[in-house]
C-alpha atoms as a PDB file:
ATOM      1  CA  MET A   1      15.321  -9.043  30.002  1.00  0.00           C
ATOM      2  CA  HIS A   2      14.290  -9.467  26.296  1.00  0.00           C
ATOM      3  CA  ASP A   3      11.777 -12.053  25.207  1.00  0.00           C
ATOM      4  CA  GLU A   4      13.293 -11.848  21.739  1.00  0.00           C
ATOM      5  CA  PRO A   5      16.975 -11.699  20.708  1.00  0.00           C
ATOM      6  CA  ILE A   6      18.358  -8.131  20.321  1.00  0.00           C
ATOM      7  CA  ASP A   7      18.974  -7.038  16.588  1.00  0.00           C
ATOM      8  CA  PRO A   8      22.560  -6.454  16.523  1.00  0.00           C
ATOM      9  CA  PHE A   9      22.238  -4.063  13.325  1.00  0.00           C
ATOM     10  CA  ASN A  10      19.303  -2.287  15.079  1.00  0.00           C
ATOM     11  CA  GLY A  11      19.755   1.501  13.796  1.00  0.00           C
ATOM     12  CA  ASP A  12      22.934   0.367  11.838  1.00  0.00           C
ATOM     13  CA  PRO A  13      22.599   2.170   8.250  1.00  0.00           C
ATOM     14  CA  ALA A  14      24.682  -1.005   6.913  1.00  0.00           C
ATOM     15  CA  ASP A  15      21.696  -3.208   7.879  1.00  0.00           C
ATOM     16  CA  PRO A  16      21.574  -6.371   5.909  1.00  0.00           C
ATOM     17  CA  SER A  17      18.114  -6.615   6.323  1.00  0.00           C
ATOM     18  CA  ALA A  18      17.102  -2.843   5.769  1.00  0.00           C
ATOM     19  CA  GLY A  19      16.113  -3.889   2.047  1.00  0.00           C
ATOM     20  CA  LEU A  20      13.598  -6.552   3.117  1.00  0.00           C
ATOM     21  CA  ASP A  21       9.918  -5.861   3.366  1.00  0.00           C
ATOM     22  CA  ASP A  22       8.666  -5.399   6.789  1.00  0.00           C
ATOM     23  CA  PRO A  23       5.943  -7.743   7.885  1.00  0.00           C
ATOM     24  CA  ALA A  24       4.261  -5.450   9.822  1.00  0.00           C
ATOM     25  CA  GLU A  25       3.709  -3.428   6.845  1.00  0.00           C
ATOM     26  CA  ASP A  26       1.486  -6.586   5.117  1.00  0.00           C
ATOM     27  CA  ALA A  27      -0.774  -6.722   7.943  1.00  0.00           C
ATOM     28  CA  GLN A  28      -1.698  -3.036   6.668  1.00  0.00           C
ATOM     29  CA  LEU A  29      -3.233  -4.224   3.862  1.00  0.00           C
ATOM     30  CA  ASP A  30      -6.914  -3.229   3.244  1.00  0.00           C
ATOM     31  CA  PRO A  31      -9.591  -6.524   3.020  1.00  0.00           C
ATOM     32  CA  LEU A  32     -10.939  -7.589  -0.079  1.00  0.00           C
ATOM     33  CA  SER A  33     -13.776  -5.504  -1.557  1.00  0.00           C
ATOM     34  CA  GLU A  34     -16.789  -6.855  -1.966  1.00  0.00           C
ATOM     35  CA  VAL A  35     -16.591  -7.106  -5.564  1.00  0.00           C
ATOM     36  CA  GLU A  36     -13.146  -8.535  -5.547  1.00  0.00           C
ATOM     37  CA  ARG A  37     -14.718 -10.791  -2.883  1.00  0.00           C
ATOM     38  CA  GLN A  38     -17.641 -12.106  -5.060  1.00  0.00           C
ATOM     39  CA  ASP A  39     -14.769 -12.488  -7.996  1.00  0.00           C
ATOM     40  CA  VAL A  40     -12.801 -14.781  -5.882  1.00  0.00           C
ATOM     41  CA  LEU A  41     -16.172 -17.027  -4.777  1.00  0.00           C
ATOM     42  CA  GLU A  42     -16.987 -17.422  -8.409  1.00  0.00           C
ATOM     43  CA  ASP A  43     -13.547 -18.290  -9.540  1.00  0.00           C
ATOM     44  CA  LEU A  44     -13.983 -21.108  -6.780  1.00  0.00           C
ATOM     45  CA  ALA A  45     -17.390 -21.908  -8.131  1.00  0.00           C
ATOM     46  CA  ASP A  46     -15.516 -21.875 -11.731  1.00  0.00           C
ATOM     47  CA  LEU A  47     -12.854 -23.952 -10.501  1.00  0.00           C
ATOM     48  CA  GLU A  48     -15.112 -26.825  -8.828  1.00  0.00           C
ATOM     49  CA  ILE A  49     -16.917 -27.301 -12.713  1.00  0.00           C
ATOM     50  CA  TYR A  50     -13.352 -27.232 -14.467  1.00  0.00           C
ATOM     51  CA  GLN A  51     -12.180 -30.067 -12.198  1.00  0.00           C
ATOM     52  CA  ALA A  52     -15.485 -31.919 -12.601  1.00  0.00           C
ATOM     53  CA  LEU A  53     -15.238 -31.626 -16.272  1.00  0.00           C
ATOM     54  CA  LEU A  54     -11.615 -31.716 -16.979  1.00  0.00           C
ATOM     55  CA  GLY A  55     -10.530 -33.734 -13.976  1.00  0.00           C
ATOM     56  CA  PRO A  56     -11.517 -36.852 -15.578  1.00  0.00           C
ATOM     57  CA  THR A  57      -9.576 -36.304 -18.987  1.00  0.00           C
ATOM     58  CA  GLY A  58      -6.323 -36.252 -17.081  1.00  0.00           C
ATOM     59  CA  VAL A  59      -5.838 -32.293 -16.817  1.00  0.00           C
ATOM     60  CA  ARG A  60      -4.291 -31.954 -13.477  1.00  0.00           C
ATOM     61  CA  GLY A  61      -4.755 -28.215 -13.031  1.00  0.00           C
ATOM     62  CA  LEU A  62      -4.450 -24.616 -14.685  1.00  0.00           C
ATOM     63  CA  VAL A  63      -1.403 -22.688 -15.910  1.00  0.00           C
ATOM     64  CA  ILE A  64      -1.877 -19.283 -15.219  1.00  0.00           C
ATOM     65  CA  GLU A  65       0.667 -16.647 -16.498  1.00  0.00           C
ATOM     66  CA  CYS A  66       2.332 -14.707 -13.131  1.00  0.00           C
ATOM     67  CA  GLU A  67       2.185 -11.096 -13.638  1.00  0.00           C
ATOM     68  CA  ASP A  68       4.987 -10.554 -11.508  1.00  0.00           C
ATOM     69  CA  CYS A  69       7.773 -12.618 -13.345  1.00  0.00           C
ATOM     70  CA  HIS A  70       6.025 -13.346 -16.491  1.00  0.00           C
ATOM     71  CA  GLU A  71       6.402 -17.037 -16.213  1.00  0.00           C
ATOM     72  CA  PRO A  72       3.729 -19.719 -15.976  1.00  0.00           C
ATOM     73  CA  HIS A  73       2.858 -21.101 -13.001  1.00  0.00           C
ATOM     74  CA  TYR A  74       0.983 -24.393 -12.632  1.00  0.00           C
ATOM     75  CA  PHE A  75      -1.147 -25.078  -9.955  1.00  0.00           C
ATOM     76  CA  ASP A  76      -3.123 -28.631  -9.427  1.00  0.00           C
ATOM     77  CA  TRP A  77      -6.749 -28.145  -8.538  1.00  0.00           C
ATOM     78  CA  ASP A  78      -6.094 -28.680  -4.717  1.00  0.00           C
ATOM     79  CA  LEU A  79      -3.483 -25.755  -4.711  1.00  0.00           C
ATOM     80  CA  LEU A  80      -5.313 -23.234  -6.708  1.00  0.00           C
ATOM     81  CA  ARG A  81      -8.398 -23.981  -4.138  1.00  0.00           C
ATOM     82  CA  GLY A  82      -6.329 -23.236  -1.279  1.00  0.00           C
ATOM     83  CA  ASN A  83      -4.881 -19.989  -2.457  1.00  0.00           C
ATOM     84  CA  LEU A  84      -8.418 -18.824  -3.459  1.00  0.00           C
ATOM     85  CA  ARG A  85      -9.351 -19.586   0.068  1.00  0.00           C
ATOM     86  CA  HIS A  86      -6.357 -18.026   1.397  1.00  0.00           C
ATOM     87  CA  LEU A  87      -7.311 -14.771  -0.517  1.00  0.00           C
ATOM     88  CA  LEU A  88     -10.742 -14.775   0.829  1.00  0.00           C
ATOM     89  CA  SER A  89      -9.569 -15.179   4.219  1.00  0.00           C
ATOM     90  CA  SER A  90      -6.710 -12.883   4.304  1.00  0.00           C
ATOM     91  CA  GLY A  91      -6.883 -10.524   1.528  1.00  0.00           C
ATOM     92  CA  ARG A  92      -3.905 -11.155  -0.084  1.00  0.00           C
ATOM     93  CA  PRO A  93      -2.375 -14.010  -2.207  1.00  0.00           C
ATOM     94  CA  ARG A  94       0.168 -16.311  -1.160  1.00  0.00           C
ATOM     95  CA  VAL A  95       3.486 -15.790  -2.014  1.00  0.00           C
ATOM     96  CA  HIS A  96       4.176 -18.203  -5.520  1.00  0.00           C
ATOM     97  CA  GLU A  97       6.600 -20.513  -6.146  1.00  0.00           C
ATOM     98  CA  PRO A  98       7.143 -22.212  -9.891  1.00  0.00           C
ATOM     99  CA  ALA A  99       5.913 -25.664  -9.643  1.00  0.00           C
ATOM    100  CA  PHE A 100       8.505 -28.539  -9.661  1.00  0.00           C
ATOM    101  CA  ASP A 101       9.032 -29.980 -13.070  1.00  0.00           C
ATOM    102  CA  PRO A 102       5.218 -29.771 -13.902  1.00  0.00           C
ATOM    103  CA  ASP A 103       4.248 -31.643 -17.342  1.00  0.00           C
ATOM    104  CA  PRO A 104       2.714 -28.291 -19.054  1.00  0.00           C
ATOM    105  CA  ASP A 105       0.568 -31.109 -21.079  1.00  0.00           C
ATOM    106  CA  HIS A 106      -1.639 -31.911 -18.149  1.00  0.00           C
ATOM    107  CA  TYR A 107      -2.358 -28.237 -17.618  1.00  0.00           C
ATOM    108  CA  VAL A 108      -4.399 -25.839 -19.232  1.00  0.00           C
ATOM    109  CA  THR A 109      -5.411 -22.080 -18.868  1.00  0.00           C
ATOM    110  CA  TRP A 110      -8.587 -20.689 -17.284  1.00  0.00           C
ATOM    111  CA  GLU A 111      -9.483 -19.534 -20.692  1.00  0.00           C
ATOM    112  CA  TYR A 112      -9.313 -23.123 -22.223  1.00  0.00           C
ATOM    113  CA  ALA A 113     -11.040 -24.636 -18.936  1.00  0.00           C
ATOM    114  CA  ARG A 114     -13.556 -21.577 -19.386  1.00  0.00           C
ATOM    115  CA  GLY A 115     -14.315 -22.326 -23.059  1.00  0.00           C
ATOM    116  CA  TYR A 116     -14.449 -25.892 -22.463  1.00  0.00           C
ATOM    117  CA  ALA A 117     -17.113 -25.537 -19.858  1.00  0.00           C
ATOM    118  CA  ASP A 118     -19.368 -23.406 -21.883  1.00  0.00           C
ATOM    119  CA  GLY A 119     -19.317 -26.041 -24.655  1.00  0.00           C
ATOM    120  CA  VAL A 120     -20.340 -28.678 -22.353  1.00  0.00           C
ATOM    121  CA  HIS A 121     -23.110 -26.650 -21.246  1.00  0.00           C
ATOM    122  CA  ASP A 122     -23.921 -25.341 -24.754  1.00  0.00           C
ATOM    123  CA  THR A 123     -24.170 -29.087 -26.065  1.00  0.00           C
ATOM    124  CA  LEU A 124     -26.160 -30.061 -23.115  1.00  0.00           C
ATOM    125  CA  ALA A 125     -28.389 -27.088 -23.708  1.00  0.00           C
ATOM    126  CA  GLU A 126     -29.040 -28.313 -27.322  1.00  0.00           C
ATOM    127  CA  GLY A 127     -29.806 -31.745 -26.363  1.00  0.00           C
ATOM    128  CA  THR A 128     -32.557 -30.519 -24.050  1.00  0.00           C
ATOM    129  CA  ASP A 129     -34.025 -28.021 -26.811  1.00  0.00           C
ATOM    130  CA  ASP A 130     -34.268 -31.273 -29.474  1.00  0.00           C
ATOM    131  CA  ASP A 131     -36.204 -33.439 -26.541  1.00  0.00           C
ATOM    132  CA  GLU A 132     -38.750 -30.678 -25.918  1.00  0.00           C
ATOM    133  CA  PRO A 133     -42.472 -32.189 -26.650  1.00  0.00           C
ATOM    134  CA  GLY A 134     -43.991 -30.842 -29.489  1.00  0.00           C
ATOM    135  CA  GLN A 135     -40.871 -30.484 -31.859  1.00  0.00           C
ATOM    136  CA  THR A 136     -40.742 -31.899 -34.744  1.00  0.00           C
ATOM    137  CA  ALA A 137     -37.677 -32.149 -36.662  1.00  0.00           C
END
């Protein structure tokens, strides 16, 4: 008696599932290296900053140009955070799907978000330089 149904195509050269990936092979992927792991942790930290700065302005998330399909993928903050955490825990990215009818006006690129955060940081740093005692204009 078998716990699972018997594969009727087992050993058949015309097996329609022959071209599909074997899930057992996916389990054999190497875990993230320390450098890769650190990069993902830094992305998570950056994401928190970007959301705090850009969320109140109406930005819903980030758009990323997919290397596989060369299409833009729109991720809201929580979905992107979840994908990065999944990458940390499993060592592999989640299967991606295009967002359903996203409004591109509500998403920015990583580069834009990074530049925006850098600009805010620089502006705040300049403000503290001007406020130091002993400074004269």
